[in-house]
Amino acid sequence: MSASPLAGILNAIAGQPRTPAELARDLGSSEGALNGMLRTLQGGGYVQEAAQTTDGCECGPCALKSMCRNAGQDAPPLHLLRLTPRGEAYLRRLNPQGH
């Protein structure tokens, strides 16, 4: 089990970039309650928006790019969230045998 609700959110995002609505549904939470936690994680540098830019994916080199709904599309981003390197490092510290 995760060390905290914030770690649970990070674990849910780690597998695949997610929208806040998807996260709320998957975590059994309301979007309103989740929004504050997402702001905390974003402010701490653990998650960022995965948005398409004119020069390619804003995420940079990403192992999940083949699954990303924003990569290589002209459609506006779906406000997907992805882990930052700091978020990935935090999860590795929580679960060193899982990585």
Protein backbone atom coordinates (compact mmCIF):
# COMPACT_ATOMS: atom_id res chain seq x y z
CA MET A 1 0.00 0.00 0.00
CA SER A 2 1.16 3.56 -0.67
CA ALA A 3 2.73 5.62 2.06
CA SER A 4 0.22 8.44 1.54
CA PRO A 5 -2.69 9.53 -0.66
CA LEU A 6 -0.22 11.65 -2.65
CA ALA A 7 1.96 8.58 -3.26
CA GLY A 8 -1.18 6.73 -4.42
CA ILE A 9 -1.79 9.43 -7.01
CA LEU A 10 1.81 9.24 -8.18
CA ASN A 11 1.52 5.47 -8.54
CA ALA A 12 -1.65 5.87 -10.62
CA ILE A 13 0.05 8.35 -12.95
CA ALA A 14 3.27 6.31 -13.18
CA GLY A 15 1.74 3.63 -15.40
CA GLN A 16 0.24 5.99 -17.96
CA PRO A 17 -0.42 9.72 -18.22
CA ARG A 18 -3.92 10.41 -16.92
CA THR A 19 -6.47 13.19 -16.88
CA PRO A 20 -7.78 14.43 -13.53
CA ALA A 21 -11.18 12.87 -14.34
CA GLU A 22 -9.58 9.49 -15.03
CA LEU A 23 -7.57 9.69 -11.83
CA ALA A 24 -10.63 10.58 -9.77
CA ARG A 25 -12.55 7.64 -11.22
CA ASP A 26 -9.67 5.18 -10.80
CA LEU A 27 -8.91 6.32 -7.25
CA GLY A 28 -12.55 6.51 -6.14
CA SER A 29 -12.34 10.23 -5.41
CA SER A 30 -14.11 13.34 -6.58
CA GLU A 31 -12.34 15.67 -9.00
CA GLY A 32 -12.73 18.48 -6.47
CA ALA A 33 -10.92 16.57 -3.73
CA LEU A 34 -8.26 15.34 -6.13
CA ASN A 35 -7.64 18.81 -7.56
CA GLY A 36 -6.04 20.10 -4.35
CA MET A 37 -3.74 17.09 -4.12
CA LEU A 38 -2.75 17.48 -7.78
CA ARG A 39 -1.89 21.14 -7.16
CA THR A 40 0.28 20.08 -4.24
CA LEU A 41 2.09 17.49 -6.37
CA GLN A 42 2.52 19.94 -9.24
CA GLY A 43 3.77 22.69 -6.93
CA GLY A 44 6.29 20.26 -5.43
CA GLY A 45 7.58 19.31 -8.86
CA TYR A 46 6.29 15.72 -8.82
CA VAL A 47 3.84 15.94 -11.75
CA GLN A 48 3.49 18.12 -14.82
CA GLU A 49 1.08 18.49 -17.67
CA ALA A 50 1.93 16.34 -20.68
CA ALA A 51 1.18 18.80 -23.47
CA GLN A 52 2.05 18.81 -27.16
CA THR A 53 4.11 21.79 -28.28
CA THR A 54 5.15 22.92 -31.75
CA ASP A 55 8.57 21.30 -31.38
CA GLY A 56 7.28 17.96 -30.12
CA CYS A 57 6.22 16.56 -26.82
CA GLU A 58 6.73 18.91 -23.90
CA CYS A 59 7.53 15.88 -21.78
CA GLY A 60 10.78 15.37 -23.63
CA PRO A 61 12.05 11.86 -24.16
CA CYS A 62 9.41 9.71 -22.57
CA ALA A 63 9.15 5.93 -22.33
CA LEU A 64 5.36 6.28 -22.51
CA LYS A 65 5.31 8.39 -25.68
CA SER A 66 3.87 5.52 -27.73
CA MET A 67 0.84 5.44 -25.39
CA CYS A 68 0.46 9.20 -25.01
CA ARG A 69 -2.76 10.59 -26.43
CA ASN A 70 -1.13 13.98 -27.00
CA ALA A 71 1.97 12.88 -28.91
CA GLY A 72 1.87 13.65 -32.62
CA GLN A 73 -1.69 14.97 -32.71
CA ASP A 74 -3.05 18.31 -33.81
CA ALA A 75 -5.88 18.13 -31.27
CA PRO A 76 -5.59 20.28 -28.16
CA PRO A 77 -4.14 18.49 -25.14
CA LEU A 78 -6.44 16.52 -22.87
CA HIS A 79 -4.73 17.96 -19.80
CA LEU A 80 -2.84 14.76 -19.18
CA LEU A 81 -0.60 14.60 -16.17
CA ARG A 82 2.70 12.74 -16.07
CA LEU A 83 5.39 12.21 -13.48
CA THR A 84 8.45 14.40 -13.47
CA PRO A 85 11.89 12.90 -12.80
CA ARG A 86 11.41 13.99 -9.18
CA GLY A 87 8.12 12.08 -8.97
CA GLU A 88 9.72 8.98 -10.49
CA ALA A 89 12.62 9.17 -8.01
CA TYR A 90 10.18 9.50 -5.10
CA LEU A 91 8.34 6.35 -6.16
CA ARG A 92 11.63 4.45 -6.54
CA ARG A 93 12.49 5.40 -2.93
CA LEU A 94 9.08 4.18 -1.72
CA ASN A 95 9.29 0.89 -3.57
CA PRO A 96 12.92 0.11 -4.46
CA GLN A 97 12.26 -3.55 -5.27
CA GLY A 98 9.50 -2.63 -7.75
CA HIS A 99 11.84 -0.76 -10.14
